């Protein structure tokens, strides 16, 4: 993969103040795939002590969007047009891992998906899947 694409995604991710706030980090960038990890911090839990669905959605959406961005020219960005979240299990654990993938890249729309796993004591559990549409926009 082109180093310019990795650098662009790294710079864009670094500019997202929300990702800083929740402690998220890019852990993998490759063609059509981006992985983001995030601790389940005390301030990101819901009332029963699990990671909040908003946390799950945020890193899943970002991973899927950045996966789409890996397949676009350097003069383009993406925005989410729509994305659906299916919660499968509570976000129990120490951290979340979101893996975004491109299903179909296009000039006007890219269909993407993400899986989010919760990790506890080294064991990962699939807790959510997302599917959505990203729209390329000029940079």
C-alpha atoms as a PDB file:
ATOM      1  CA  UNK A   1       0.000   0.000   0.000  1.00  0.00           C
ATOM      2  CA  UNK A   2       1.110   3.540  -0.746  1.00  0.00           C
ATOM      3  CA  UNK A   3       2.787   5.238   2.244  1.00  0.00           C
ATOM      4  CA  UNK A   4       0.970   8.477   1.312  1.00  0.00           C
ATOM      5  CA  UNK A   5      -2.383   6.806   2.008  1.00  0.00           C
ATOM      6  CA  UNK A   6      -1.221   5.506   5.394  1.00  0.00           C
ATOM      7  CA  UNK A   7       0.197   8.931   6.266  1.00  0.00           C
ATOM      8  CA  UNK A   8      -3.048  10.646   5.225  1.00  0.00           C
ATOM      9  CA  UNK A   9      -5.183   8.319   7.361  1.00  0.00           C
ATOM     10  CA  UNK A  10      -2.831   8.659  10.324  1.00  0.00           C
ATOM     11  CA  UNK A  11      -2.933  12.474  10.066  1.00  0.00           C
ATOM     12  CA  UNK A  12      -6.721  12.526   9.706  1.00  0.00           C
ATOM     13  CA  UNK A  13      -7.181  10.179  12.660  1.00  0.00           C
ATOM     14  CA  UNK A  14      -4.851  12.338  14.771  1.00  0.00           C
ATOM     15  CA  UNK A  15      -7.053  15.366  14.020  1.00  0.00           C
ATOM     16  CA  UNK A  16     -10.184  13.675  15.427  1.00  0.00           C
ATOM     17  CA  UNK A  17     -10.504  15.091  18.931  1.00  0.00           C
ATOM     18  CA  UNK A  18     -13.168  12.536  19.835  1.00  0.00           C
ATOM     19  CA  UNK A  19     -10.760   9.678  19.173  1.00  0.00           C
ATOM     20  CA  UNK A  20      -8.267  11.378  21.518  1.00  0.00           C
ATOM     21  CA  UNK A  21     -10.955  11.832  24.169  1.00  0.00           C
ATOM     22  CA  UNK A  22     -11.882   8.148  24.208  1.00  0.00           C
ATOM     23  CA  UNK A  23      -8.257   6.944  23.972  1.00  0.00           C
ATOM     24  CA  UNK A  24      -8.643   5.279  20.566  1.00  0.00           C
ATOM     25  CA  UNK A  25      -5.614   4.338  18.481  1.00  0.00           C
ATOM     26  CA  UNK A  26      -5.023   3.195  14.922  1.00  0.00           C
ATOM     27  CA  UNK A  27      -3.549  -0.278  15.089  1.00  0.00           C
ATOM     28  CA  UNK A  28      -3.620  -1.361  11.430  1.00  0.00           C
ATOM     29  CA  UNK A  29      -4.027   0.314   8.050  1.00  0.00           C
ATOM     30  CA  UNK A  30      -4.003  -1.694   4.834  1.00  0.00           C
ATOM     31  CA  UNK A  31      -5.793  -1.557   1.503  1.00  0.00           C
ATOM     32  CA  UNK A  32      -9.529  -1.774   2.292  1.00  0.00           C
ATOM     33  CA  UNK A  33      -9.019  -2.492   6.008  1.00  0.00           C
ATOM     34  CA  UNK A  34      -8.496  -0.350   9.102  1.00  0.00           C
ATOM     35  CA  UNK A  35      -8.343  -1.508  12.706  1.00  0.00           C
ATOM     36  CA  UNK A  36      -8.894   0.795  15.699  1.00  0.00           C
ATOM     37  CA  UNK A  37      -8.424  -0.169  19.346  1.00  0.00           C
ATOM     38  CA  UNK A  38      -9.902   1.663  22.278  1.00  0.00           C
ATOM     39  CA  UNK A  39      -9.830   1.144  26.045  1.00  0.00           C
ATOM     40  CA  UNK A  40     -13.169   0.938  27.825  1.00  0.00           C
ATOM     41  CA  UNK A  41     -12.539   3.876  30.133  1.00  0.00           C
ATOM     42  CA  UNK A  42     -14.603   4.661  33.214  1.00  0.00           C
ATOM     43  CA  UNK A  43     -16.125   7.662  31.429  1.00  0.00           C
ATOM     44  CA  UNK A  44     -17.259   5.568  28.431  1.00  0.00           C
ATOM     45  CA  UNK A  45     -19.393   3.026  30.286  1.00  0.00           C
ATOM     46  CA  UNK A  46     -23.166   2.771  30.430  1.00  0.00           C
ATOM     47  CA  UNK A  47     -25.242   2.399  33.607  1.00  0.00           C
ATOM     48  CA  UNK A  48     -24.609  -1.356  33.974  1.00  0.00           C
ATOM     49  CA  UNK A  49     -20.834  -0.958  33.680  1.00  0.00           C
ATOM     50  CA  UNK A  50     -20.387  -2.178  30.089  1.00  0.00           C
ATOM     51  CA  UNK A  51     -18.838  -0.112  27.324  1.00  0.00           C
ATOM     52  CA  UNK A  52     -21.470   2.284  25.974  1.00  0.00           C
ATOM     53  CA  UNK A  53     -23.037   1.589  22.574  1.00  0.00           C
ATOM     54  CA  UNK A  54     -21.940   5.097  21.545  1.00  0.00           C
ATOM     55  CA  UNK A  55     -18.327   4.045  22.062  1.00  0.00           C
ATOM     56  CA  UNK A  56     -18.877   0.916  19.985  1.00  0.00           C
ATOM     57  CA  UNK A  57     -20.554   2.940  17.238  1.00  0.00           C
ATOM     58  CA  UNK A  58     -17.876   5.649  17.198  1.00  0.00           C
ATOM     59  CA  UNK A  59     -14.918   3.372  16.639  1.00  0.00           C
ATOM     60  CA  UNK A  60     -16.837   1.100  14.251  1.00  0.00           C
ATOM     61  CA  UNK A  61     -17.911   4.060  12.119  1.00  0.00           C
ATOM     62  CA  UNK A  62     -14.375   5.466  12.082  1.00  0.00           C
ATOM     63  CA  UNK A  63     -12.791   2.110  11.198  1.00  0.00           C
ATOM     64  CA  UNK A  64     -15.265   1.593   8.332  1.00  0.00           C
ATOM     65  CA  UNK A  65     -14.831   5.150   7.054  1.00  0.00           C
ATOM     66  CA  UNK A  66     -11.063   4.972   7.097  1.00  0.00           C
ATOM     67  CA  UNK A  67     -11.171   1.596   5.327  1.00  0.00           C
ATOM     68  CA  UNK A  68     -13.115   3.327   2.521  1.00  0.00           C
ATOM     69  CA  UNK A  69     -10.575   6.157   2.495  1.00  0.00           C
ATOM     70  CA  UNK A  70      -7.726   3.702   1.817  1.00  0.00           C
ATOM     71  CA  UNK A  71      -9.241   3.077  -1.604  1.00  0.00           C
ATOM     72  CA  UNK A  72      -9.762   6.674  -2.696  1.00  0.00           C
ATOM     73  CA  UNK A  73      -7.449   9.131  -4.431  1.00  0.00           C
ATOM     74  CA  UNK A  74      -5.436  11.440  -2.171  1.00  0.00           C
ATOM     75  CA  UNK A  75      -7.585  14.460  -3.114  1.00  0.00           C
ATOM     76  CA  UNK A  76     -10.729  12.856  -1.625  1.00  0.00           C
ATOM     77  CA  UNK A  77     -12.164  12.385   1.882  1.00  0.00           C
ATOM     78  CA  UNK A  78     -15.239  10.441   3.026  1.00  0.00           C
ATOM     79  CA  UNK A  79     -18.301  11.176   5.108  1.00  0.00           C
ATOM     80  CA  UNK A  80     -20.806   8.689   6.451  1.00  0.00           C
ATOM     81  CA  UNK A  81     -24.103   8.789   4.554  1.00  0.00           C
ATOM     82  CA  UNK A  82     -25.717   6.070   6.675  1.00  0.00           C
ATOM     83  CA  UNK A  83     -24.606   3.283   8.943  1.00  0.00           C
ATOM     84  CA  UNK A  84     -26.489   0.592  10.837  1.00  0.00           C
ATOM     85  CA  UNK A  85     -25.366  -0.943  14.101  1.00  0.00           C
ATOM     86  CA  UNK A  86     -26.376  -4.375  15.380  1.00  0.00           C
ATOM     87  CA  UNK A  87     -25.399  -4.904  19.007  1.00  0.00           C
ATOM     88  CA  UNK A  88     -24.785  -8.613  19.627  1.00  0.00           C
ATOM     89  CA  UNK A  89     -23.437  -8.750  23.181  1.00  0.00           C
ATOM     90  CA  UNK A  90     -22.508  -6.386  26.024  1.00  0.00           C
ATOM     91  CA  UNK A  91     -19.142  -4.641  25.697  1.00  0.00           C
ATOM     92  CA  UNK A  92     -17.535  -6.471  28.621  1.00  0.00           C
ATOM     93  CA  UNK A  93     -13.788  -6.192  28.852  1.00  0.00           C
ATOM     94  CA  UNK A  94     -10.814  -3.916  28.929  1.00  0.00           C
ATOM     95  CA  UNK A  95     -10.815  -2.679  25.346  1.00  0.00           C
ATOM     96  CA  UNK A  96     -12.682  -2.689  22.064  1.00  0.00           C
ATOM     97  CA  UNK A  97     -11.237  -3.583  18.686  1.00  0.00           C
ATOM     98  CA  UNK A  98     -13.017  -2.327  15.560  1.00  0.00           C
ATOM     99  CA  UNK A  99     -12.078  -3.750  12.165  1.00  0.00           C
ATOM    100  CA  UNK A 100     -13.460  -1.827   9.202  1.00  0.00           C
ATOM    101  CA  UNK A 101     -13.559  -3.329   5.724  1.00  0.00           C
ATOM    102  CA  UNK A 102     -14.657  -2.216   2.274  1.00  0.00           C
ATOM    103  CA  UNK A 103     -17.313  -4.384   0.666  1.00  0.00           C
ATOM    104  CA  UNK A 104     -17.538  -2.361  -2.557  1.00  0.00           C
ATOM    105  CA  UNK A 105     -15.586   0.771  -3.409  1.00  0.00           C
ATOM    106  CA  UNK A 106     -17.130   3.177  -5.863  1.00  0.00           C
ATOM    107  CA  UNK A 107     -16.688   6.681  -7.235  1.00  0.00           C
ATOM    108  CA  UNK A 108     -19.929   7.960  -5.670  1.00  0.00           C
ATOM    109  CA  UNK A 109     -20.574   5.469  -2.842  1.00  0.00           C
ATOM    110  CA  UNK A 110     -18.563   2.899  -0.922  1.00  0.00           C
ATOM    111  CA  UNK A 111     -20.288   0.120   1.001  1.00  0.00           C
ATOM    112  CA  UNK A 112     -18.434  -0.728   4.199  1.00  0.00           C
ATOM    113  CA  UNK A 113     -18.713  -2.952   7.224  1.00  0.00           C
ATOM    114  CA  UNK A 114     -17.092  -3.159  10.629  1.00  0.00           C
ATOM    115  CA  UNK A 115     -16.914  -5.763  13.349  1.00  0.00           C
ATOM    116  CA  UNK A 116     -16.317  -4.674  16.928  1.00  0.00           C
ATOM    117  CA  UNK A 117     -14.903  -7.105  19.474  1.00  0.00           C
ATOM    118  CA  UNK A 118     -14.560  -6.642  23.223  1.00  0.00           C
ATOM    119  CA  UNK A 119     -11.388  -8.060  24.719  1.00  0.00           C
ATOM    120  CA  UNK A 120     -11.120  -9.360  28.276  1.00  0.00           C
ATOM    121  CA  UNK A 121      -8.137 -11.322  29.556  1.00  0.00           C
ATOM    122  CA  UNK A 122      -6.942 -11.870  25.978  1.00  0.00           C
ATOM    123  CA  UNK A 123     -10.254 -13.361  24.817  1.00  0.00           C
ATOM    124  CA  UNK A 124     -12.144 -11.482  22.097  1.00  0.00           C
ATOM    125  CA  UNK A 125     -15.943 -11.557  21.795  1.00  0.00           C
ATOM    126  CA  UNK A 126     -17.822 -10.174  18.807  1.00  0.00           C
ATOM    127  CA  UNK A 127     -20.177  -7.547  20.259  1.00  0.00           C
ATOM    128  CA  UNK A 128     -21.351  -5.576  17.222  1.00  0.00           C
ATOM    129  CA  UNK A 129     -21.462  -5.382  13.452  1.00  0.00           C
ATOM    130  CA  UNK A 130     -21.997  -2.265  11.400  1.00  0.00           C
ATOM    131  CA  UNK A 131     -22.829  -1.813   7.725  1.00  0.00           C
ATOM    132  CA  UNK A 132     -23.005   1.470   5.955  1.00  0.00           C
ATOM    133  CA  UNK A 133     -22.363   3.754   3.065  1.00  0.00           C
ATOM    134  CA  UNK A 134     -19.536   6.255   2.773  1.00  0.00           C
ATOM    135  CA  UNK A 135     -19.646   9.129   0.310  1.00  0.00           C
ATOM    136  CA  UNK A 136     -16.422  10.425  -1.230  1.00  0.00           C
ATOM    137  CA  UNK A 137     -16.120  14.215  -1.009  1.00  0.00           C
ATOM    138  CA  UNK A 138     -13.399  16.599  -2.209  1.00  0.00           C
ATOM    139  CA  UNK A 139     -10.657  17.239   0.315  1.00  0.00           C
END
